[in-house]
Amino acid sequence: MKAKDVKQMTDDQLQDTLIELKKEQFNLRFQAASGNIENTARVRQVRRGVARIKTAQVQRTSEPADK
C-alpha cells in the first residue's frame, strides 16, 4: 500500500482497510510464532500499512475545517 493510495481513500475506506490490516497482522503474528510463516516480509508491509493509515487519519483530523 502506497502513501498516495492512502491519501485518495475516504475516511470509511481507511477505517475498513485498517481493520483488515489489523486482522492480517494478528494472523501473521501467530504464523510467525508457530514457525509456518511463508512470507516474512509481509509482516513489515502490514505494519507499515497500518502506520500509513493511522498517520493519514491524524493528519485529516488536524487539518482546518475550512480547507
Protein backbone atom coordinates (compact mmCIF):
# COMPACT_ATOMS: atom_id res chain seq x y z
CA MET A 1 0.00 0.00 0.00
CA LYS A 2 1.46 3.30 -1.09
CA ALA A 3 1.01 6.67 0.59
CA LYS A 4 -0.72 8.15 -2.45
CA ASP A 5 -3.27 5.33 -2.35
CA VAL A 6 -3.99 6.10 1.29
CA LYS A 7 -4.44 9.82 0.57
CA GLN A 8 -7.08 9.03 -2.07
CA MET A 9 -9.17 6.88 0.27
CA THR A 10 -12.20 8.18 2.12
CA ASP A 11 -12.37 8.07 5.90
CA ASP A 12 -14.62 5.00 5.80
CA GLN A 13 -12.29 3.20 3.41
CA LEU A 14 -9.35 4.00 5.67
CA GLN A 15 -11.15 2.57 8.67
CA ASP A 16 -12.14 -0.61 6.80
CA THR A 17 -8.63 -1.12 5.46
CA LEU A 18 -7.18 -0.55 8.92
CA ILE A 19 -9.43 -3.25 10.37
CA GLU A 20 -8.43 -5.69 7.62
CA LEU A 21 -4.72 -4.99 8.13
CA LYS A 22 -5.02 -5.42 11.90
CA LYS A 23 -6.65 -8.84 11.37
CA GLU A 24 -3.91 -9.82 8.93
CA GLN A 25 -1.26 -8.61 11.37
CA PHE A 26 -2.80 -10.74 14.11
CA ASN A 27 -2.76 -13.84 11.89
CA LEU A 28 0.81 -13.18 10.75
CA ARG A 29 1.98 -12.93 14.37
CA PHE A 30 0.53 -16.37 15.09
CA GLN A 31 2.08 -17.82 11.96
CA ALA A 32 5.47 -16.38 12.91
CA ALA A 33 5.19 -17.74 16.45
CA SER A 34 4.32 -21.21 15.21
CA GLY A 35 7.09 -21.11 12.61
CA ASN A 36 5.00 -21.67 9.49
CA ILE A 37 5.01 -18.18 8.01
CA GLU A 38 5.68 -18.19 4.27
CA ASN A 39 6.38 -14.53 3.54
CA THR A 40 8.22 -12.90 6.41
CA ALA A 41 8.40 -9.57 4.58
CA ARG A 42 4.62 -9.34 4.71
CA VAL A 43 4.81 -8.64 8.46
CA ARG A 44 6.78 -5.48 7.73
CA GLN A 45 4.49 -4.45 4.87
CA VAL A 46 1.38 -4.79 7.01
CA ARG A 47 2.95 -2.92 9.93
CA ARG A 48 3.91 -0.03 7.66
CA GLY A 49 0.47 -0.02 6.04
CA VAL A 50 -1.14 0.34 9.46
CA ALA A 51 1.22 3.22 10.25
CA ARG A 52 0.43 4.97 6.97
CA ILE A 53 -3.30 4.75 7.58
CA LYS A 54 -3.04 5.98 11.17
CA THR A 55 -0.84 8.87 10.05
CA ALA A 56 -3.36 9.85 7.38
CA GLN A 57 -6.19 9.74 9.90
CA VAL A 58 -4.33 12.02 12.31
CA GLN A 59 -3.43 14.44 9.53
CA ARG A 60 -7.05 14.66 8.44
CA THR A 61 -8.28 15.40 11.94
CA SER A 62 -5.65 18.10 12.50
CA GLU A 63 -6.41 19.97 9.24
CA PRO A 64 -8.56 23.10 9.49
CA ALA A 65 -12.18 22.51 8.54
CA ASP A 66 -12.35 25.43 6.09
CA LYS A 67 -9.95 23.87 3.59
